[in-house]
Amino acid sequence: DGAYCLDSHGVHHLTLEGVIETPPESNAFGTIYVYEDK
């Protein structure tokens, strides 16, 4: 199901959703764009 939190030290914790739950013949993916500050 995925989950997210920002912890007490400012670290992001991102649990990505499981693509195994995606219906047949459909699609699921993610692209992360990385910058110096985000």
PDB file of all heavy atoms in Angstrom:
ATOM      1  N   ASP A   1       0.812  -1.215   0.000  1.00  0.00           N
ATOM      2  CA  ASP A   1       0.000   0.000   0.000  1.00  0.00           C
ATOM      3  C   ASP A   1       0.849   1.269   0.000  1.00  0.00           C
ATOM      4  O   ASP A   1       0.321   2.358  -0.238  1.00  0.00           O
ATOM      5  CB  ASP A   1      -0.929   0.033   1.222  1.00  0.00           C
ATOM      6  CG  ASP A   1      -2.059  -0.984   1.111  1.00  0.00           C
ATOM      7  OD1 ASP A   1      -2.368  -1.396  -0.023  1.00  0.00           O
ATOM      8  OD2 ASP A   1      -2.620  -1.361   2.150  1.00  0.00           O
ATOM      9  N   GLY A   2       2.132   1.158   0.301  1.00  0.00           N
ATOM     10  CA  GLY A   2       2.998   2.325   0.351  1.00  0.00           C
ATOM     11  C   GLY A   2       2.777   3.144   1.604  1.00  0.00           C
ATOM     12  O   GLY A   2       1.772   3.006   2.305  1.00  0.00           O
ATOM     13  N   ALA A   3       3.744   4.013   1.917  1.00  0.00           N
ATOM     14  CA  ALA A   3       3.653   4.881   3.097  1.00  0.00           C
ATOM     15  C   ALA A   3       4.752   5.930   3.010  1.00  0.00           C
ATOM     16  O   ALA A   3       5.698   5.805   2.225  1.00  0.00           O
ATOM     17  CB  ALA A   3       3.797   4.069   4.386  1.00  0.00           C
ATOM     18  N   TYR A   4       4.626   6.959   3.851  1.00  0.00           N
ATOM     19  CA  TYR A   4       5.628   8.041   3.856  1.00  0.00           C
ATOM     20  C   TYR A   4       5.657   8.706   5.220  1.00  0.00           C
ATOM     21  O   TYR A   4       4.612   8.854   5.883  1.00  0.00           O
ATOM     22  CB  TYR A   4       5.300   9.101   2.794  1.00  0.00           C
ATOM     23  CG  TYR A   4       6.094  10.373   2.989  1.00  0.00           C
ATOM     24  CD1 TYR A   4       7.404  10.478   2.520  1.00  0.00           C
ATOM     25  CD2 TYR A   4       5.543  11.462   3.678  1.00  0.00           C
ATOM     26  CE1 TYR A   4       8.149  11.627   2.734  1.00  0.00           C
ATOM     27  CE2 TYR A   4       6.278  12.614   3.893  1.00  0.00           C
ATOM     28  CZ  TYR A   4       7.582  12.693   3.421  1.00  0.00           C
ATOM     29  OH  TYR A   4       8.317  13.830   3.644  1.00  0.00           O
ATOM     30  N   CYS A   5       6.851   9.122   5.641  1.00  0.00           N
ATOM     31  CA  CYS A   5       6.956  10.016   6.798  1.00  0.00           C
ATOM     32  C   CYS A   5       8.251  10.811   6.700  1.00  0.00           C
ATOM     33  O   CYS A   5       9.212  10.410   6.029  1.00  0.00           O
ATOM     34  CB  CYS A   5       6.895   9.244   8.122  1.00  0.00           C
ATOM     35  SG  CYS A   5       8.420   8.390   8.567  1.00  0.00           S
ATOM     36  N   LEU A   6       8.277  11.949   7.359  1.00  0.00           N
ATOM     37  CA  LEU A   6       9.474  12.762   7.551  1.00  0.00           C
ATOM     38  C   LEU A   6       9.850  12.608   9.011  1.00  0.00           C
ATOM     39  O   LEU A   6       9.071  12.961   9.900  1.00  0.00           O
ATOM     40  CB  LEU A   6       9.183  14.227   7.220  1.00  0.00           C
ATOM     41  CG  LEU A   6      10.346  15.212   7.400  1.00  0.00           C
ATOM     42  CD1 LEU A   6      11.472  14.910   6.417  1.00  0.00           C
ATOM     43  CD2 LEU A   6       9.851  16.648   7.212  1.00  0.00           C
ATOM     44  N   ASP A   7      11.027  12.063   9.293  1.00  0.00           N
ATOM     45  CA  ASP A   7      11.343  11.744  10.680  1.00  0.00           C
ATOM     46  C   ASP A   7      11.884  12.950  11.450  1.00  0.00           C
ATOM     47  O   ASP A   7      12.028  14.050  10.900  1.00  0.00           O
ATOM     48  CB  ASP A   7      12.268  10.524  10.772  1.00  0.00           C
ATOM     49  CG  ASP A   7      13.733  10.786  10.404  1.00  0.00           C
ATOM     50  OD1 ASP A   7      14.178  11.948  10.407  1.00  0.00           O
ATOM     51  OD2 ASP A   7      14.447   9.800  10.122  1.00  0.00           O
ATOM     52  N   SER A   8      12.167  12.744  12.726  1.00  0.00           N
ATOM     53  CA  SER A   8      12.560  13.826  13.628  1.00  0.00           C
ATOM     54  C   SER A   8      13.902  14.448  13.266  1.00  0.00           C
ATOM     55  O   SER A   8      14.238  15.535  13.739  1.00  0.00           O
ATOM     56  CB  SER A   8      12.621  13.304  15.067  1.00  0.00           C
ATOM     57  OG  SER A   8      13.557  12.234  15.172  1.00  0.00           O
ATOM     58  N   HIS A   9      14.692  13.785  12.420  1.00  0.00           N
ATOM     59  CA  HIS A   9      15.987  14.309  11.987  1.00  0.00           C
ATOM     60  C   HIS A   9      15.929  14.869  10.570  1.00  0.00           C
ATOM     61  O   HIS A   9      16.972  15.164   9.970  1.00  0.00           O
ATOM     62  CB  HIS A   9      17.053  13.206  12.060  1.00  0.00           C
ATOM     63  CG  HIS A   9      17.454  12.849  13.454  1.00  0.00           C
ATOM     64  ND1 HIS A   9      16.597  12.244  14.346  1.00  0.00           N
ATOM     65  CD2 HIS A   9      18.631  13.023  14.111  1.00  0.00           C
ATOM     66  CE1 HIS A   9      17.232  12.050  15.501  1.00  0.00           C
ATOM     67  NE2 HIS A   9      18.452  12.517  15.375  1.00  0.00           N
ATOM     68  N   GLY A  10      14.724  15.007  10.031  1.00  0.00           N
ATOM     69  CA  GLY A  10      14.574  15.591   8.704  1.00  0.00           C
ATOM     70  C   GLY A  10      14.838  14.639   7.554  1.00  0.00           C
ATOM     71  O   GLY A  10      15.024  15.080   6.414  1.00  0.00           O
ATOM     72  N   VAL A  11      14.840  13.321   7.819  1.00  0.00           N
ATOM     73  CA  VAL A  11      15.057  12.323   6.773  1.00  0.00           C
ATOM     74  C   VAL A  11      13.709  11.857   6.231  1.00  0.00           C
ATOM     75  O   VAL A  11      12.815  11.498   7.005  1.00  0.00           O
ATOM     76  CB  VAL A  11      15.852  11.119   7.310  1.00  0.00           C
ATOM     77  CG1 VAL A  11      16.031  10.066   6.220  1.00  0.00           C
ATOM     78  CG2 VAL A  11      17.208  11.567   7.855  1.00  0.00           C
ATOM     79  N   HIS A  12      13.564  11.869   4.919  1.00  0.00           N
ATOM     80  CA  HIS A  12      12.343  11.384   4.278  1.00  0.00           C
ATOM     81  C   HIS A  12      12.386   9.854   4.192  1.00  0.00           C
ATOM     82  O   HIS A  12      13.407   9.282   3.791  1.00  0.00           O
ATOM     83  CB  HIS A  12      12.212  11.959   2.868  1.00  0.00           C
ATOM     84  CG  HIS A  12      12.121  13.454   2.809  1.00  0.00           C
ATOM     85  ND1 HIS A  12      10.930  14.131   2.918  1.00  0.00           N
ATOM     86  CD2 HIS A  12      13.086  14.404   2.673  1.00  0.00           C
ATOM     87  CE1 HIS A  12      11.150  15.438   2.838  1.00  0.00           C
ATOM     88  NE2 HIS A  12      12.453  15.625   2.688  1.00  0.00           N
ATOM     89  N   HIS A  13      11.289   9.213   4.547  1.00  0.00           N
ATOM     90  CA  HIS A  13      11.162   7.762   4.431  1.00  0.00           C
ATOM     91  C   HIS A  13       9.989   7.473   3.503  1.00  0.00           C
ATOM     92  O   HIS A  13       8.827   7.735   3.855  1.00  0.00           O
ATOM     93  CB  HIS A  13      10.925   7.123   5.799  1.00  0.00           C
ATOM     94  CG  HIS A  13      12.088   7.266   6.729  1.00  0.00           C
ATOM     95  ND1 HIS A  13      13.046   6.279   6.888  1.00  0.00           N
ATOM     96  CD2 HIS A  13      12.453   8.293   7.537  1.00  0.00           C
ATOM     97  CE1 HIS A  13      13.945   6.692   7.768  1.00  0.00           C
ATOM     98  NE2 HIS A  13      13.620   7.902   8.173  1.00  0.00           N
ATOM     99  N   LEU A  14      10.299   6.965   2.322  1.00  0.00           N
ATOM    100  CA  LEU A  14       9.277   6.723   1.313  1.00  0.00           C
ATOM    101  C   LEU A  14       9.210   5.233   0.988  1.00  0.00           C
ATOM    102  O   LEU A  14      10.186   4.645   0.531  1.00  0.00           O
ATOM    103  CB  LEU A  14       9.592   7.516   0.039  1.00  0.00           C
ATOM    104  CG  LEU A  14       8.649   7.309  -1.146  1.00  0.00           C
ATOM    105  CD1 LEU A  14       7.222   7.725  -0.803  1.00  0.00           C
ATOM    106  CD2 LEU A  14       9.158   8.071  -2.365  1.00  0.00           C
ATOM    107  N   THR A  15       8.064   4.626   1.257  1.00  0.00           N
ATOM    108  CA  THR A  15       7.809   3.236   0.895  1.00  0.00           C
ATOM    109  C   THR A  15       6.932   3.245  -0.343  1.00  0.00           C
ATOM    110  O   THR A  15       5.795   3.722  -0.304  1.00  0.00           O
ATOM    111  CB  THR A  15       7.119   2.482   2.043  1.00  0.00           C
ATOM    112  OG1 THR A  15       7.950   2.556   3.208  1.00  0.00           O
ATOM    113  CG2 THR A  15       6.884   1.036   1.678  1.00  0.00           C
ATOM    114  N   LEU A  16       7.466   2.748  -1.437  1.00  0.00           N
ATOM    115  CA  LEU A  16       6.761   2.809  -2.706  1.00  0.00           C
ATOM    116  C   LEU A  16       5.680   1.735  -2.797  1.00  0.00           C
ATOM    117  O   LEU A  16       5.860   0.618  -2.309  1.00  0.00           O
ATOM    118  CB  LEU A  16       7.753   2.633  -3.855  1.00  0.00           C
ATOM    119  CG  LEU A  16       8.792   3.757  -3.968  1.00  0.00           C
ATOM    120  CD1 LEU A  16       9.958   3.313  -4.830  1.00  0.00           C
ATOM    121  CD2 LEU A  16       8.150   5.011  -4.533  1.00  0.00           C
ATOM    122  N   GLU A  17       4.581   2.074  -3.419  1.00  0.00           N
ATOM    123  CA  GLU A  17       3.490   1.127  -3.604  1.00  0.00           C
ATOM    124  C   GLU A  17       3.948  -0.060  -4.444  1.00  0.00           C
ATOM    125  O   GLU A  17       4.815   0.061  -5.315  1.00  0.00           O
ATOM    126  CB  GLU A  17       2.309   1.818  -4.301  1.00  0.00           C
ATOM    127  CG  GLU A  17       1.646   2.906  -3.480  1.00  0.00           C
ATOM    128  CD  GLU A  17       2.260   4.283  -3.654  1.00  0.00           C
ATOM    129  OE1 GLU A  17       3.364   4.369  -4.251  1.00  0.00           O
ATOM    130  OE2 GLU A  17       1.669   5.270  -3.195  1.00  0.00           O
ATOM    131  N   GLY A  18       3.348  -1.218  -4.191  1.00  0.00           N
ATOM    132  CA  GLY A  18       3.732  -2.419  -4.924  1.00  0.00           C
ATOM    133  C   GLY A  18       3.073  -2.481  -6.292  1.00  0.00           C
ATOM    134  O   GLY A  18       1.846  -2.496  -6.401  1.00  0.00           O
ATOM    135  N   VAL A  19       3.891  -2.522  -7.322  1.00  0.00           N
ATOM    136  CA  VAL A  19       3.328  -2.578  -8.675  1.00  0.00           C
ATOM    137  C   VAL A  19       2.689  -3.936  -8.962  1.00  0.00           C
ATOM    138  O   VAL A  19       1.969  -4.093  -9.950  1.00  0.00           O
ATOM    139  CB  VAL A  19       4.399  -2.253  -9.740  1.00  0.00           C
ATOM    140  CG1 VAL A  19       4.910  -0.847  -9.560  1.00  0.00           C
ATOM    141  CG2 VAL A  19       5.539  -3.251  -9.702  1.00  0.00           C
ATOM    142  N   ILE A  20       2.939  -4.919  -8.073  1.00  0.00           N
ATOM    143  CA  ILE A  20       2.319  -6.237  -8.253  1.00  0.00           C
ATOM    144  C   ILE A  20       0.791  -6.153  -8.168  1.00  0.00           C
ATOM    145  O   ILE A  20       0.072  -7.016  -8.674  1.00  0.00           O
ATOM    146  CB  ILE A  20       2.863  -7.229  -7.201  1.00  0.00           C
ATOM    147  CG1 ILE A  20       2.522  -8.667  -7.582  1.00  0.00           C
ATOM    148  CG2 ILE A  20       2.358  -6.893  -5.806  1.00  0.00           C
ATOM    149  CD1 ILE A  20       3.190  -9.706  -6.702  1.00  0.00           C
ATOM    150  N   GLU A  21       0.274  -5.098  -7.546  1.00  0.00           N
ATOM    151  CA  GLU A  21      -1.178  -4.919  -7.434  1.00  0.00           C
ATOM    152  C   GLU A  21      -1.785  -4.270  -8.675  1.00  0.00           C
ATOM    153  O   GLU A  21      -2.995  -4.069  -8.741  1.00  0.00           O
ATOM    154  CB  GLU A  21      -1.501  -4.041  -6.208  1.00  0.00           C
ATOM    155  CG  GLU A  21      -0.866  -4.504  -4.905  1.00  0.00           C
ATOM    156  CD  GLU A  21      -1.458  -5.794  -4.374  1.00  0.00           C
ATOM    157  OE1 GLU A  21      -2.451  -6.257  -4.945  1.00  0.00           O
ATOM    158  OE2 GLU A  21      -0.912  -6.326  -3.396  1.00  0.00           O
ATOM    159  N   THR A  22      -0.958  -3.902  -9.645  1.00  0.00           N
ATOM    160  CA  THR A  22      -1.453  -3.233 -10.844  1.00  0.00           C
ATOM    161  C   THR A  22      -2.258  -4.204 -11.713  1.00  0.00           C
ATOM    162  O   THR A  22      -1.808  -5.313 -11.968  1.00  0.00           O
ATOM    163  CB  THR A  22      -0.266  -2.682 -11.657  1.00  0.00           C
ATOM    164  OG1 THR A  22       0.492  -1.810 -10.827  1.00  0.00           O
ATOM    165  CG2 THR A  22      -0.738  -1.922 -12.882  1.00  0.00           C
ATOM    166  N   PRO A  23      -3.448  -3.817 -12.170  1.00  0.00           N
ATOM    167  CA  PRO A  23      -4.252  -4.718 -13.010  1.00  0.00           C
ATOM    168  C   PRO A  23      -3.528  -5.092 -14.300  1.00  0.00           C
ATOM    169  O   PRO A  23      -2.719  -4.309 -14.821  1.00  0.00           O
ATOM    170  CB  PRO A  23      -5.507  -3.887 -13.314  1.00  0.00           C
ATOM    171  CG  PRO A  23      -5.568  -2.865 -12.225  1.00  0.00           C
ATOM    172  CD  PRO A  23      -4.145  -2.557 -11.878  1.00  0.00           C
ATOM    173  N   PRO A  24      -3.791  -6.274 -14.832  1.00  0.00           N
ATOM    174  CA  PRO A  24      -3.178  -6.678 -16.103  1.00  0.00           C
ATOM    175  C   PRO A  24      -3.463  -5.664 -17.206  1.00  0.00           C
ATOM    176  O   PRO A  24      -4.513  -5.007 -17.221  1.00  0.00           O
ATOM    177  CB  PRO A  24      -3.837  -8.030 -16.403  1.00  0.00           C
ATOM    178  CG  PRO A  24      -4.275  -8.539 -15.066  1.00  0.00           C
ATOM    179  CD  PRO A  24      -4.641  -7.325 -14.265  1.00  0.00           C
ATOM    180  N   GLU A  25      -2.504  -5.541 -18.111  1.00  0.00           N
ATOM    181  CA  GLU A  25      -2.594  -4.654 -19.278  1.00  0.00           C
ATOM    182  C   GLU A  25      -2.610  -3.177 -18.895  1.00  0.00           C
ATOM    183  O   GLU A  25      -2.924  -2.320 -19.731  1.00  0.00           O
ATOM    184  CB  GLU A  25      -3.835  -4.978 -20.135  1.00  0.00           C
ATOM    185  CG  GLU A  25      -3.980  -6.437 -20.504  1.00  0.00           C
ATOM    186  CD  GLU A  25      -2.731  -6.995 -21.192  1.00  0.00           C
ATOM    187  OE1 GLU A  25      -2.094  -6.254 -21.952  1.00  0.00           O
ATOM    188  OE2 GLU A  25      -2.393  -8.167 -20.926  1.00  0.00           O
ATOM    189  N   SER A  26      -2.291  -2.847 -17.650  1.00  0.00           N
ATOM    190  CA  SER A  26      -2.138  -1.446 -17.269  1.00  0.00           C
ATOM    191  C   SER A  26      -0.687  -1.234 -16.850  1.00  0.00           C
ATOM    192  O   SER A  26       0.139  -2.146 -16.945  1.00  0.00           O
ATOM    193  CB  SER A  26      -3.096  -1.077 -16.136  1.00  0.00           C
ATOM    194  OG  SER A  26      -2.836  -1.854 -14.987  1.00  0.00           O
ATOM    195  N   ASN A  27      -0.369  -0.056 -16.363  1.00  0.00           N
ATOM    196  CA  ASN A  27       1.021   0.272 -16.116  1.00  0.00           C
ATOM    197  C   ASN A  27       1.176   0.962 -14.773  1.00  0.00           C
ATOM    198  O   ASN A  27       0.244   1.592 -14.274  1.00  0.00           O
ATOM    199  CB  ASN A  27       1.559   1.174 -17.229  1.00  0.00           C
ATOM    200  CG  ASN A  27       3.004   0.861 -17.579  1.00  0.00           C
ATOM    201  OD1 ASN A  27       3.747   0.352 -16.746  1.00  0.00           O
ATOM    202  ND2 ASN A  27       3.392   1.169 -18.806  1.00  0.00           N
ATOM    203  N   ALA A  28       2.356   0.853 -14.195  1.00  0.00           N
ATOM    204  CA  ALA A  28       2.671   1.577 -12.957  1.00  0.00           C
ATOM    205  C   ALA A  28       4.179   1.719 -12.866  1.00  0.00           C
ATOM    206  O   ALA A  28       4.912   0.750 -12.983  1.00  0.00           O
ATOM    207  CB  ALA A  28       2.130   0.836 -11.730  1.00  0.00           C
ATOM    208  N   PHE A  29       4.629   2.933 -12.670  1.00  0.00           N
ATOM    209  CA  PHE A  29       6.054   3.186 -12.479  1.00  0.00           C
ATOM    210  C   PHE A  29       6.216   4.584 -11.896  1.00  0.00           C
ATOM    211  O   PHE A  29       5.273   5.375 -11.844  1.00  0.00           O
ATOM    212  CB  PHE A  29       6.844   3.064 -13.797  1.00  0.00           C
ATOM    213  CG  PHE A  29       6.444   4.045 -14.863  1.00  0.00           C
ATOM    214  CD1 PHE A  29       7.051   5.292 -14.940  1.00  0.00           C
ATOM    215  CD2 PHE A  29       5.462   3.727 -15.784  1.00  0.00           C
ATOM    216  CE1 PHE A  29       6.689   6.200 -15.929  1.00  0.00           C
ATOM    217  CE2 PHE A  29       5.084   4.627 -16.774  1.00  0.00           C
ATOM    218  CZ  PHE A  29       5.701   5.870 -16.850  1.00  0.00           C
ATOM    219  N   GLY A  30       7.410   4.880 -11.453  1.00  0.00           N
ATOM    220  CA  GLY A  30       7.694   6.208 -10.927  1.00  0.00           C
ATOM    221  C   GLY A  30       9.047   6.679 -11.418  1.00  0.00           C
ATOM    222  O   GLY A  30       9.966   5.887 -11.626  1.00  0.00           O
ATOM    223  N   THR A  31       9.160   7.969 -11.628  1.00  0.00           N
ATOM    224  CA  THR A  31      10.431   8.595 -12.001  1.00  0.00           C
ATOM    225  C   THR A  31      10.760   9.634 -10.946  1.00  0.00           C
ATOM    226  O   THR A  31       9.930  10.483 -10.627  1.00  0.00           O
ATOM    227  CB  THR A  31      10.340   9.273 -13.380  1.00  0.00           C
ATOM    228  OG1 THR A  31       9.950   8.300 -14.354  1.00  0.00           O
ATOM    229  CG2 THR A  31      11.690   9.876 -13.773  1.00  0.00           C
ATOM    230  N   ILE A  32      11.969   9.541 -10.389  1.00  0.00           N
ATOM    231  CA  ILE A  32      12.404  10.506  -9.381  1.00  0.00           C
ATOM    232  C   ILE A  32      13.379  11.480 -10.020  1.00  0.00           C
ATOM    233  O   ILE A  32      14.405  11.068 -10.573  1.00  0.00           O
ATOM    234  CB  ILE A  32      13.051   9.814  -8.169  1.00  0.00           C
ATOM    235  CG1 ILE A  32      12.020   8.941  -7.448  1.00  0.00           C
ATOM    236  CG2 ILE A  32      13.630  10.837  -7.205  1.00  0.00           C
ATOM    237  CD1 ILE A  32      12.563   8.212  -6.230  1.00  0.00           C
ATOM    238  N   TYR A  33      13.049  12.753  -9.956  1.00  0.00           N
ATOM    239  CA  TYR A  33      13.919  13.824 -10.445  1.00  0.00           C
ATOM    240  C   TYR A  33      14.686  14.377  -9.242  1.00  0.00           C
ATOM    241  O   TYR A  33      14.072  14.764  -8.243  1.00  0.00           O
ATOM    242  CB  TYR A  33      13.092  14.919 -11.121  1.00  0.00           C
ATOM    243  CG  TYR A  33      12.314  14.407 -12.316  1.00  0.00           C
ATOM    244  CD1 TYR A  33      11.041  13.863 -12.168  1.00  0.00           C
ATOM    245  CD2 TYR A  33      12.876  14.449 -13.597  1.00  0.00           C
ATOM    246  CE1 TYR A  33      10.334  13.376 -13.264  1.00  0.00           C
ATOM    247  CE2 TYR A  33      12.172  13.965 -14.696  1.00  0.00           C
ATOM    248  CZ  TYR A  33      10.905  13.434 -14.524  1.00  0.00           C
ATOM    249  OH  TYR A  33      10.208  12.946 -15.610  1.00  0.00           O
ATOM    250  N   VAL A  34      16.002  14.385  -9.350  1.00  0.00           N
ATOM    251  CA  VAL A  34      16.853  14.741  -8.217  1.00  0.00           C
ATOM    252  C   VAL A  34      17.515  16.093  -8.467  1.00  0.00           C
ATOM    253  O   VAL A  34      18.154  16.306  -9.511  1.00  0.00           O
ATOM    254  CB  VAL A  34      17.926  13.658  -7.983  1.00  0.00           C
ATOM    255  CG1 VAL A  34      18.785  14.008  -6.773  1.00  0.00           C
ATOM    256  CG2 VAL A  34      17.273  12.294  -7.786  1.00  0.00           C
ATOM    257  N   TYR A  35      17.364  16.976  -7.492  1.00  0.00           N
ATOM    258  CA  TYR A  35      17.965  18.304  -7.537  1.00  0.00           C
ATOM    259  C   TYR A  35      18.856  18.479  -6.311  1.00  0.00           C
ATOM    260  O   TYR A  35      18.867  17.631  -5.421  1.00  0.00           O
ATOM    261  CB  TYR A  35      16.877  19.384  -7.559  1.00  0.00           C
ATOM    262  CG  TYR A  35      15.921  19.247  -8.723  1.00  0.00           C
ATOM    263  CD1 TYR A  35      14.785  18.426  -8.618  1.00  0.00           C
ATOM    264  CD2 TYR A  35      16.140  19.914  -9.923  1.00  0.00           C
ATOM    265  CE1 TYR A  35      13.902  18.284  -9.686  1.00  0.00           C
ATOM    266  CE2 TYR A  35      15.258  19.786 -10.989  1.00  0.00           C
ATOM    267  CZ  TYR A  35      14.145  18.972 -10.867  1.00  0.00           C
ATOM    268  OH  TYR A  35      13.268  18.840 -11.912  1.00  0.00           O
ATOM    269  N   GLU A  36      19.582  19.572  -6.250  1.00  0.00           N
ATOM    270  CA  GLU A  36      20.479  19.800  -5.118  1.00  0.00           C
ATOM    271  C   GLU A  36      19.723  19.915  -3.808  1.00  0.00           C
ATOM    272  O   GLU A  36      20.258  19.583  -2.743  1.00  0.00           O
ATOM    273  CB  GLU A  36      21.307  21.065  -5.349  1.00  0.00           C
ATOM    274  CG  GLU A  36      22.399  20.908  -6.391  1.00  0.00           C
ATOM    275  CD  GLU A  36      23.358  22.081  -6.398  1.00  0.00           C
ATOM    276  OE1 GLU A  36      23.167  23.007  -5.578  1.00  0.00           O
ATOM    277  OE2 GLU A  36      24.299  22.068  -7.213  1.00  0.00           O
ATOM    278  N   ASP A  37      18.478  20.385  -3.852  1.00  0.00           N
ATOM    279  CA  ASP A  37      17.739  20.640  -2.612  1.00  0.00           C
ATOM    280  C   ASP A  37      16.435  19.874  -2.487  1.00  0.00           C
ATOM    281  O   ASP A  37      15.675  20.081  -1.541  1.00  0.00           O
ATOM    282  CB  ASP A  37      17.451  22.144  -2.490  1.00  0.00           C
ATOM    283  CG  ASP A  37      16.572  22.667  -3.622  1.00  0.00           C
ATOM    284  OD1 ASP A  37      16.463  21.978  -4.663  1.00  0.00           O
ATOM    285  OD2 ASP A  37      15.993  23.761  -3.474  1.00  0.00           O
ATOM    286  N   LYS A  38      16.152  18.975  -3.429  1.00  0.00           N
ATOM    287  CA  LYS A  38      14.880  18.247  -3.367  1.00  0.00           C
ATOM    288  C   LYS A  38      14.894  17.064  -4.311  1.00  0.00           C
ATOM    289  O   LYS A  38      15.722  16.969  -5.225  1.00  0.00           O
ATOM    290  CB  LYS A  38      13.701  19.162  -3.704  1.00  0.00           C
ATOM    291  CG  LYS A  38      13.718  19.742  -5.098  1.00  0.00           C
ATOM    292  CD  LYS A  38      12.518  20.658  -5.307  1.00  0.00           C
ATOM    293  CE  LYS A  38      12.545  21.365  -6.663  1.00  0.00           C
ATOM    294  NZ  LYS A  38      13.642  22.359  -6.742  1.00  0.00           N
TER     295      LYS A  38
END
